[in-house]
Amino acid sequence: MAVPAQALKKLTDSLKSGSAIIQVDFFPCTRVANMHFVVAVSYSKRDDDILIKDPIDGKTKWLREAYGCRGRWSLSRAIYRIVYLEGNKEGEKCNHQCPKCCK
């Protein structure tokens, strides 16, 4: 399963100013999809890869190398789902009037 080109473009664009949670296959070179989630931090256009933070070991690594069948898969093939993180960066005003952060 691969994410569509439009979704990948939205992800790489959004990483210029934020991060996202992406679903990957924990054992990518097997027939069964093993659900795992990582945090996408930044995109390298030169390498066509995404720098991720992986909660399984706390390390920062490249997505395609770690979960793209050792770099053989395309970036869109290595990603199953994308969740965008929204929120205020430090110093920005909240605009959604929630009691938790809009004191």
N, C-alpha and C. Protein backbone atom coordinates (compact mmCIF):
# COMPACT_ATOMS: atom_id res chain seq x y z
N MET A 1 0.85 -1.17 0.00
CA MET A 1 0.00 0.00 0.00
C MET A 1 0.89 1.24 0.00
N ALA A 2 0.55 2.20 -0.79
CA ALA A 2 1.33 3.44 -0.86
C ALA A 2 0.40 4.63 -0.73
N VAL A 3 0.91 5.69 -0.14
CA VAL A 3 0.09 6.90 -0.05
C VAL A 3 0.13 7.60 -1.41
N PRO A 4 -0.96 8.26 -1.79
CA PRO A 4 -1.01 8.96 -3.07
C PRO A 4 0.01 10.11 -3.13
N ALA A 5 0.39 10.49 -4.33
CA ALA A 5 1.37 11.56 -4.52
C ALA A 5 0.94 12.85 -3.85
N GLN A 6 -0.38 13.16 -3.90
CA GLN A 6 -0.88 14.39 -3.28
C GLN A 6 -0.66 14.38 -1.77
N ALA A 7 -0.88 13.23 -1.14
CA ALA A 7 -0.69 13.10 0.31
C ALA A 7 0.78 13.24 0.67
N LEU A 8 1.65 12.68 -0.16
CA LEU A 8 3.08 12.79 0.10
C LEU A 8 3.55 14.24 -0.04
N LYS A 9 3.04 14.93 -1.05
CA LYS A 9 3.37 16.36 -1.24
C LYS A 9 2.90 17.18 -0.05
N LYS A 10 1.69 16.93 0.42
CA LYS A 10 1.17 17.65 1.59
C LYS A 10 2.06 17.39 2.80
N LEU A 11 2.49 16.14 2.98
CA LEU A 11 3.35 15.80 4.10
C LEU A 11 4.69 16.53 4.01
N THR A 12 5.35 16.45 2.87
CA THR A 12 6.66 17.09 2.75
C THR A 12 6.56 18.60 2.91
N ASP A 13 5.47 19.20 2.41
CA ASP A 13 5.26 20.64 2.60
C ASP A 13 5.02 20.98 4.07
N SER A 14 4.24 20.15 4.75
CA SER A 14 3.90 20.44 6.15
C SER A 14 5.11 20.29 7.07
N LEU A 15 6.08 19.50 6.67
CA LEU A 15 7.26 19.30 7.51
C LEU A 15 8.18 20.52 7.52
N LYS A 16 7.91 21.51 6.67
CA LYS A 16 8.67 22.76 6.70
C LYS A 16 8.36 23.56 7.95
N SER A 17 7.16 23.34 8.52
CA SER A 17 6.77 24.14 9.68
C SER A 17 6.23 23.32 10.85
N GLY A 18 6.22 22.02 10.73
CA GLY A 18 5.68 21.21 11.81
C GLY A 18 6.11 19.76 11.68
N SER A 19 5.38 18.89 12.34
CA SER A 19 5.70 17.47 12.28
C SER A 19 4.41 16.68 12.07
N ALA A 20 4.56 15.38 11.89
CA ALA A 20 3.40 14.53 11.65
C ALA A 20 3.69 13.14 12.21
N ILE A 21 2.64 12.42 12.52
CA ILE A 21 2.78 11.03 12.91
C ILE A 21 2.47 10.20 11.68
N ILE A 22 3.33 9.25 11.37
CA ILE A 22 3.09 8.41 10.21
C ILE A 22 3.11 6.94 10.61
N GLN A 23 2.25 6.19 9.95
CA GLN A 23 2.20 4.75 10.17
C GLN A 23 3.11 4.08 9.15
N VAL A 24 3.92 3.16 9.64
CA VAL A 24 4.82 2.40 8.78
C VAL A 24 4.66 0.92 9.11
N ASP A 25 5.31 0.09 8.34
CA ASP A 25 5.33 -1.34 8.59
C ASP A 25 6.60 -1.65 9.38
N PHE A 26 6.44 -2.20 10.59
CA PHE A 26 7.58 -2.44 11.47
C PHE A 26 8.56 -3.46 10.87
N PHE A 27 8.06 -4.45 10.15
CA PHE A 27 8.90 -5.43 9.44
C PHE A 27 8.56 -5.32 7.96
N PRO A 28 9.11 -4.33 7.27
CA PRO A 28 8.66 -4.00 5.92
C PRO A 28 8.90 -5.05 4.84
N CYS A 29 9.84 -5.92 5.01
CA CYS A 29 10.15 -6.88 3.94
C CYS A 29 9.41 -8.20 4.09
N THR A 30 8.33 -8.21 4.87
CA THR A 30 7.52 -9.42 5.03
C THR A 30 6.17 -9.22 4.35
N ARG A 31 5.41 -10.29 4.22
CA ARG A 31 4.10 -10.21 3.55
C ARG A 31 3.03 -9.58 4.44
N VAL A 32 3.21 -9.63 5.75
CA VAL A 32 2.22 -9.11 6.69
C VAL A 32 2.59 -7.69 7.10
N ALA A 33 1.60 -6.80 7.13
CA ALA A 33 1.84 -5.43 7.59
C ALA A 33 1.81 -5.41 9.12
N ASN A 34 2.88 -4.94 9.72
CA ASN A 34 3.02 -4.84 11.17
C ASN A 34 2.99 -3.38 11.56
N MET A 35 1.87 -2.92 12.11
CA MET A 35 1.62 -1.52 12.39
C MET A 35 2.63 -0.94 13.39
N HIS A 36 3.18 0.23 13.03
CA HIS A 36 4.11 0.96 13.88
C HIS A 36 3.98 2.44 13.54
N PHE A 37 4.15 3.31 14.52
CA PHE A 37 4.03 4.74 14.30
C PHE A 37 5.32 5.45 14.66
N VAL A 38 5.69 6.44 13.86
CA VAL A 38 6.87 7.25 14.10
C VAL A 38 6.50 8.72 13.89
N VAL A 39 7.36 9.61 14.38
CA VAL A 39 7.13 11.04 14.19
C VAL A 39 8.03 11.53 13.07
N ALA A 40 7.41 12.09 12.03
CA ALA A 40 8.14 12.68 10.91
C ALA A 40 8.59 14.07 11.32
N VAL A 41 9.88 14.35 11.17
CA VAL A 41 10.45 15.61 11.65
C VAL A 41 10.79 16.57 10.51
N SER A 42 11.46 16.05 9.48
CA SER A 42 11.84 16.92 8.36
C SER A 42 12.01 16.08 7.09
N TYR A 43 12.01 16.77 5.95
CA TYR A 43 12.12 16.12 4.65
C TYR A 43 13.41 16.53 3.96
N SER A 44 14.11 15.57 3.38
CA SER A 44 15.29 15.85 2.58
C SER A 44 14.95 15.61 1.12
N LYS A 45 14.82 16.70 0.36
CA LYS A 45 14.50 16.58 -1.06
C LYS A 45 15.64 15.88 -1.81
N ARG A 46 16.86 16.18 -1.43
CA ARG A 46 18.03 15.59 -2.09
C ARG A 46 18.01 14.07 -1.98
N ASP A 47 17.68 13.57 -0.78
CA ASP A 47 17.66 12.12 -0.56
C ASP A 47 16.29 11.50 -0.76
N ASP A 48 15.26 12.34 -0.97
CA ASP A 48 13.87 11.90 -1.04
C ASP A 48 13.56 10.98 0.14
N ASP A 49 13.82 11.51 1.35
CA ASP A 49 13.62 10.74 2.56
C ASP A 49 13.17 11.66 3.69
N ILE A 50 12.59 11.06 4.71
CA ILE A 50 12.08 11.81 5.85
C ILE A 50 12.83 11.40 7.10
N LEU A 51 13.29 12.40 7.83
CA LEU A 51 13.94 12.16 9.10
C LEU A 51 12.85 11.91 10.13
N ILE A 52 12.98 10.82 10.88
CA ILE A 52 11.94 10.44 11.84
C ILE A 52 12.53 10.29 13.24
N LYS A 53 11.67 10.41 14.23
CA LYS A 53 11.98 10.03 15.60
C LYS A 53 11.18 8.77 15.86
N ASP A 54 11.86 7.73 16.30
CA ASP A 54 11.23 6.43 16.46
C ASP A 54 11.06 6.09 17.93
N PRO A 55 9.82 5.95 18.39
CA PRO A 55 9.60 5.67 19.81
C PRO A 55 10.05 4.28 20.25
N ILE A 56 10.30 3.39 19.32
CA ILE A 56 10.70 2.03 19.69
C ILE A 56 12.08 2.02 20.36
N ASP A 57 12.96 2.94 19.92
CA ASP A 57 14.29 3.00 20.51
C ASP A 57 14.74 4.42 20.85
N GLY A 58 13.88 5.42 20.57
CA GLY A 58 14.20 6.80 20.88
C GLY A 58 15.19 7.45 19.93
N LYS A 59 15.56 6.76 18.85
CA LYS A 59 16.57 7.28 17.94
C LYS A 59 15.96 8.08 16.80
N THR A 60 16.78 8.96 16.24
CA THR A 60 16.43 9.70 15.03
C THR A 60 17.08 8.96 13.87
N LYS A 61 16.30 8.71 12.81
CA LYS A 61 16.80 7.93 11.68
C LYS A 61 16.05 8.31 10.41
N TRP A 62 16.51 7.79 9.29
CA TRP A 62 15.85 8.03 8.02
C TRP A 62 14.79 6.97 7.78
N LEU A 63 13.62 7.41 7.35
CA LEU A 63 12.47 6.53 7.18
C LEU A 63 12.72 5.39 6.20
N ARG A 64 13.21 5.70 5.02
CA ARG A 64 13.38 4.66 3.99
C ARG A 64 14.40 3.61 4.41
N GLU A 65 15.43 4.02 5.10
CA GLU A 65 16.43 3.05 5.56
C GLU A 65 15.87 2.16 6.66
N ALA A 66 15.10 2.77 7.57
CA ALA A 66 14.58 2.02 8.72
C ALA A 66 13.33 1.19 8.38
N TYR A 67 12.40 1.79 7.60
CA TYR A 67 11.12 1.12 7.34
C TYR A 67 10.73 1.10 5.87
N GLY A 68 11.70 1.20 4.99
CA GLY A 68 11.45 1.15 3.56
C GLY A 68 12.20 0.00 2.91
N CYS A 69 12.20 -1.13 3.60
CA CYS A 69 12.88 -2.33 3.09
C CYS A 69 14.34 -2.01 2.75
N ARG A 70 14.99 -1.39 3.73
CA ARG A 70 16.40 -0.97 3.65
C ARG A 70 16.69 -0.07 2.45
N GLY A 71 15.77 0.86 2.18
CA GLY A 71 15.97 1.84 1.12
C GLY A 71 15.48 1.42 -0.24
N ARG A 72 15.00 0.18 -0.38
CA ARG A 72 14.55 -0.29 -1.70
C ARG A 72 13.17 0.27 -2.07
N TRP A 73 12.36 0.61 -1.07
CA TRP A 73 11.02 1.14 -1.36
C TRP A 73 11.07 2.65 -1.56
N SER A 74 10.12 3.14 -2.35
CA SER A 74 9.96 4.59 -2.49
C SER A 74 9.41 5.14 -1.18
N LEU A 75 9.50 6.44 -1.03
CA LEU A 75 8.98 7.08 0.17
C LEU A 75 7.48 6.86 0.31
N SER A 76 6.74 6.99 -0.78
CA SER A 76 5.28 6.81 -0.70
C SER A 76 4.91 5.37 -0.36
N ARG A 77 5.73 4.40 -0.77
CA ARG A 77 5.47 2.99 -0.45
C ARG A 77 5.71 2.69 1.02
N ALA A 78 6.64 3.39 1.64
CA ALA A 78 7.00 3.13 3.04
C ALA A 78 5.99 3.71 4.04
N ILE A 79 5.12 4.61 3.56
CA ILE A 79 4.16 5.28 4.45
C ILE A 79 2.77 4.70 4.22
N TYR A 80 2.10 4.32 5.31
CA TYR A 80 0.75 3.75 5.21
C TYR A 80 -0.32 4.78 5.53
N ARG A 81 -0.10 5.60 6.55
CA ARG A 81 -1.07 6.62 6.96
C ARG A 81 -0.31 7.83 7.49
N ILE A 82 -0.98 8.99 7.47
CA ILE A 82 -0.37 10.23 7.95
C ILE A 82 -1.37 10.95 8.86
N VAL A 83 -0.89 11.40 10.01
CA VAL A 83 -1.69 12.23 10.92
C VAL A 83 -0.90 13.51 11.14
N TYR A 84 -1.51 14.64 10.83
CA TYR A 84 -0.82 15.92 10.98
C TYR A 84 -1.02 16.45 12.38
N LEU A 85 0.06 16.96 12.96
CA LEU A 85 0.00 17.54 14.29
C LEU A 85 -0.25 19.03 14.15
N GLU A 86 -1.28 19.49 14.79
CA GLU A 86 -1.60 20.90 14.76
C GLU A 86 -1.46 21.45 16.16
N GLY A 87 -1.06 22.66 16.25
CA GLY A 87 -0.92 23.28 17.57
C GLY A 87 -0.11 24.55 17.43
N ASN A 88 0.02 25.22 18.52
CA ASN A 88 0.73 26.48 18.52
C ASN A 88 2.19 26.27 18.87
N LYS A 89 3.02 26.91 18.11
CA LYS A 89 4.42 26.93 18.46
C LYS A 89 4.59 27.93 19.60
N GLU A 90 5.67 27.79 20.32
CA GLU A 90 5.90 28.67 21.45
C GLU A 90 5.81 30.13 21.03
N GLY A 91 5.05 30.91 21.76
CA GLY A 91 4.91 32.33 21.48
C GLY A 91 3.72 32.68 20.60
N GLU A 92 3.09 31.70 19.94
CA GLU A 92 1.94 31.97 19.11
C GLU A 92 0.68 32.01 19.96
N LYS A 93 -0.28 32.82 19.54
CA LYS A 93 -1.55 32.90 20.26
C LYS A 93 -2.48 31.78 19.81
N CYS A 94 -3.21 31.26 20.76
CA CYS A 94 -4.20 30.23 20.47
C CYS A 94 -5.40 30.89 19.80
N ASN A 95 -5.97 30.21 18.80
CA ASN A 95 -7.13 30.79 18.11
C ASN A 95 -8.36 29.90 18.18
N HIS A 96 -8.35 28.88 19.01
CA HIS A 96 -9.51 27.99 19.03
C HIS A 96 -10.23 27.98 20.37
N GLN A 97 -9.85 28.84 21.28
CA GLN A 97 -10.58 29.09 22.53
C GLN A 97 -10.80 27.86 23.39
N CYS A 98 -9.84 26.99 23.50
CA CYS A 98 -10.01 25.85 24.38
C CYS A 98 -9.52 26.22 25.78
N PRO A 99 -10.16 25.71 26.80
CA PRO A 99 -9.79 26.09 28.16
C PRO A 99 -8.40 25.58 28.57
N LYS A 100 -7.91 24.58 27.91
CA LYS A 100 -6.64 23.99 28.29
C LYS A 100 -5.45 24.90 27.96
N CYS A 101 -5.47 25.50 26.77
CA CYS A 101 -4.31 26.32 26.39
C CYS A 101 -4.63 27.80 26.22
N CYS A 102 -5.86 28.19 26.30
CA CYS A 102 -6.25 29.59 26.10
C CYS A 102 -6.65 30.23 27.44
N LYS A 103 -5.69 30.39 28.27
CA LYS A 103 -5.96 30.97 29.60
C LYS A 103 -5.94 32.46 29.56
